[in-house]
Amino acid sequence: MFNQFLRENKISAALLTLLRVYLGYAWMTAGWGKITGGFDAAGFLKGSIANPVAGPDGIVYGWYVSFLEGVALPNVDLFNFLVPWGEFLVGLGLILGCFTSAAMFFGLVMNFSFMLAGTVSHNPTDILMGVIILTAGFNAGRYGLDYYVVPYLRKAIFKKEERPIKEMA
């Protein structure tokens, strides 16, 4: 029932728009600050490798530490580009309501990456808001560019007759 409310209700779409824009602004400004202020992930990566998330039985996410050590750190220049621009584009997508589900998916991937590296910060609340937006699907972008983009893509990709957007109360 709640899932249907999130996915189909116009009031829900309006509330999701507020949540989406708020979260998008946070992502976009974080990315823009890194783009314009210079960003180097090397220190963060080295710190995450040196101080991994540990539990009573040792390192909790050994596979992630191996990823950071073997992939991320040797390719830090690529990550120095991907992180700021990824944050900025996730924010832009959420603010404009364009490719909302894809933007939120990649935002969640980044949130979980930070969490796996041992950074809590505001990531749990961002993840909660992101799951709500992702669960809502198209309805989260109903009052945004998705209203126009999604039907166009459905028609172009699937070559089917355009389905009218279901109008709900």
Protein backbone atom coordinates (compact mmCIF):
# COMPACT_ATOMS: atom_id res chain seq x y z
CA MET A 1 0.00 0.00 0.00
CA PHE A 2 2.75 2.46 0.92
CA ASN A 3 4.71 1.36 -2.13
CA GLN A 4 1.70 2.12 -4.34
CA PHE A 5 1.38 5.55 -2.69
CA LEU A 6 5.06 6.27 -3.43
CA ARG A 7 4.87 5.04 -7.01
CA GLU A 8 1.53 6.44 -8.18
CA ASN A 9 0.15 9.26 -6.04
CA LYS A 10 0.45 12.90 -7.18
CA ILE A 11 0.80 14.18 -3.62
CA SER A 12 3.61 11.72 -3.14
CA ALA A 13 5.17 12.98 -6.38
CA ALA A 14 5.13 16.54 -5.01
CA LEU A 15 6.72 15.46 -1.71
CA LEU A 16 9.28 13.38 -3.61
CA THR A 17 10.10 16.44 -5.70
CA LEU A 18 10.97 18.38 -2.55
CA LEU A 19 13.08 15.49 -1.25
CA ARG A 20 14.72 15.00 -4.65
CA VAL A 21 15.65 18.68 -5.02
CA TYR A 22 16.99 18.86 -1.45
CA LEU A 23 19.16 15.79 -1.92
CA GLY A 24 20.17 16.90 -5.41
CA TYR A 25 21.33 20.26 -4.11
CA ALA A 26 23.48 18.53 -1.48
CA TRP A 27 25.06 16.25 -4.11
CA MET A 28 25.57 19.02 -6.66
CA THR A 29 27.19 21.47 -4.25
CA ALA A 30 29.46 18.74 -2.86
CA GLY A 31 30.57 17.87 -6.38
CA TRP A 32 30.98 21.50 -7.43
CA GLY A 33 33.10 22.23 -4.38
CA LYS A 34 35.42 19.38 -5.36
CA ILE A 35 35.51 20.41 -9.03
CA THR A 36 36.36 24.06 -8.32
CA GLY A 37 38.37 23.61 -5.13
CA GLY A 38 40.60 20.80 -6.24
CA PHE A 39 40.13 17.25 -5.11
CA ASP A 40 42.57 14.47 -4.38
CA ALA A 41 41.20 11.13 -3.21
CA ALA A 42 44.66 9.68 -2.48
CA GLY A 43 44.66 10.66 1.20
CA PHE A 44 41.16 9.30 1.74
CA LEU A 45 42.02 6.05 -0.04
CA LYS A 46 45.26 5.58 1.90
CA GLY A 47 43.45 6.27 5.17
CA SER A 48 40.68 3.80 4.30
CA ILE A 49 43.25 1.13 3.47
CA ALA A 50 45.32 1.80 6.61
CA ASN A 51 42.26 1.93 8.92
CA PRO A 52 39.64 -0.42 7.46
CA VAL A 53 36.28 -1.04 9.07
CA ALA A 54 37.00 -3.58 11.78
CA GLY A 55 34.79 -5.73 13.93
CA PRO A 56 35.51 -8.12 16.78
CA ASP A 57 36.73 -10.74 14.30
CA GLY A 58 38.98 -8.41 12.26
CA ILE A 59 38.46 -6.53 9.00
CA VAL A 60 34.80 -6.52 8.02
CA TYR A 61 35.04 -5.60 4.32
CA GLY A 62 38.31 -7.18 3.26
CA TRP A 63 37.16 -7.40 -0.33
CA TYR A 64 36.56 -3.64 -0.40
CA VAL A 65 39.98 -2.89 1.09
CA SER A 66 41.45 -5.10 -1.65
CA PHE A 67 39.50 -3.12 -4.24
CA LEU A 68 40.77 0.19 -2.84
CA GLU A 69 44.34 -1.12 -2.70
CA GLY A 70 44.39 -2.88 -6.07
CA VAL A 71 42.10 -0.74 -8.22
CA ALA A 72 41.22 2.65 -6.72
CA LEU A 73 44.60 3.76 -5.39
CA PRO A 74 46.59 2.80 -8.52
CA ASN A 75 43.98 4.65 -10.59
CA VAL A 76 43.55 7.60 -8.25
CA ASP A 77 43.60 10.09 -11.15
CA LEU A 78 40.52 8.42 -12.62
CA PHE A 79 38.76 8.53 -9.23
CA ASN A 80 39.80 12.18 -8.82
CA PHE A 81 37.74 12.82 -11.95
CA LEU A 82 34.85 10.40 -11.35
CA VAL A 83 33.98 11.35 -7.76
CA PRO A 84 33.49 15.13 -8.18
CA TRP A 85 31.81 14.87 -11.56
CA GLY A 86 29.71 11.91 -10.40
CA GLU A 87 28.51 13.87 -7.38
CA PHE A 88 27.76 16.93 -9.51
CA LEU A 89 25.86 14.95 -12.18
CA VAL A 90 23.88 12.97 -9.61
CA GLY A 91 22.83 16.28 -8.07
CA LEU A 92 21.96 17.81 -11.42
CA GLY A 93 19.88 14.77 -12.40
CA LEU A 94 17.99 14.88 -9.12
CA ILE A 95 17.36 18.63 -9.24
CA LEU A 96 16.13 18.53 -12.84
CA GLY A 97 14.25 15.27 -12.33
CA CYS A 98 15.96 13.84 -15.39
CA PHE A 99 17.01 10.17 -15.31
CA THR A 100 16.02 10.35 -11.65
CA SER A 101 16.24 6.62 -10.97
CA ALA A 102 19.65 6.31 -12.64
CA ALA A 103 20.99 9.38 -10.82
CA MET A 104 19.76 8.05 -7.49
CA PHE A 105 21.17 4.59 -8.17
CA PHE A 106 24.64 6.04 -8.77
CA GLY A 107 24.24 8.31 -5.75
CA LEU A 108 23.50 5.25 -3.63
CA VAL A 109 26.55 3.46 -5.07
CA MET A 110 28.71 6.39 -3.98
CA ASN A 111 27.05 6.54 -0.53
CA PHE A 112 27.69 2.85 0.02
CA SER A 113 31.26 3.22 -1.23
CA PHE A 114 31.91 5.86 1.41
CA MET A 115 30.25 3.68 4.06
CA LEU A 116 32.30 0.62 3.10
CA ALA A 117 35.42 2.75 3.41
CA GLY A 118 34.46 3.60 6.98
CA THR A 119 32.99 7.07 6.55
CA VAL A 120 29.60 7.45 8.19
CA SER A 121 28.92 11.22 8.09
CA HIS A 122 25.48 11.93 6.56
CA ASN A 123 25.57 8.84 4.34
CA PRO A 124 22.94 6.80 6.28
CA THR A 125 20.32 9.55 5.94
CA ASP A 126 21.25 10.07 2.29
CA ILE A 127 20.84 6.33 1.73
CA LEU A 128 17.42 6.34 3.40
CA MET A 129 16.23 9.26 1.27
CA GLY A 130 17.77 7.66 -1.81
CA VAL A 131 15.99 4.35 -1.26
CA ILE A 132 12.68 6.21 -0.96
CA ILE A 133 13.35 8.05 -4.24
CA LEU A 134 14.52 4.89 -6.00
CA THR A 135 11.49 2.93 -4.76
CA ALA A 136 9.16 5.62 -6.10
CA GLY A 137 10.58 5.12 -9.59
CA PHE A 138 9.05 7.32 -12.27
CA ASN A 139 6.84 9.13 -9.75
CA ALA A 140 9.92 10.74 -8.18
CA GLY A 141 10.59 12.50 -11.49
CA ARG A 142 6.97 13.14 -12.45
CA TYR A 143 7.39 16.86 -11.72
CA GLY A 144 10.64 17.12 -13.61
CA LEU A 145 12.12 16.34 -16.99
CA ASP A 146 11.37 12.62 -16.61
CA TYR A 147 7.75 13.46 -17.40
CA TYR A 148 8.91 14.18 -20.96
CA VAL A 149 12.06 12.07 -21.25
CA VAL A 150 10.75 8.69 -20.06
CA PRO A 151 7.82 8.41 -22.53
CA TYR A 152 10.13 9.51 -25.35
CA LEU A 153 12.72 6.86 -24.42
CA ARG A 154 10.07 4.17 -24.05
CA LYS A 155 8.80 4.96 -27.52
CA ALA A 156 12.28 5.22 -29.07
CA ILE A 157 13.74 2.14 -27.42
CA PHE A 158 10.80 -0.24 -27.36
CA LYS A 159 9.12 1.07 -30.56
CA LYS A 160 5.74 0.72 -28.91
CA GLU A 161 2.84 3.03 -28.86
CA GLU A 162 3.37 5.70 -26.21
CA ARG A 163 1.41 4.83 -23.09
CA PRO A 164 -0.27 7.77 -21.47
CA ILE A 165 1.01 8.49 -17.99
CA LYS A 166 -1.44 7.13 -15.47
CA GLU A 167 -3.19 9.98 -13.73
CA MET A 168 -3.70 9.26 -10.06
CA ALA A 169 -5.35 11.20 -7.29
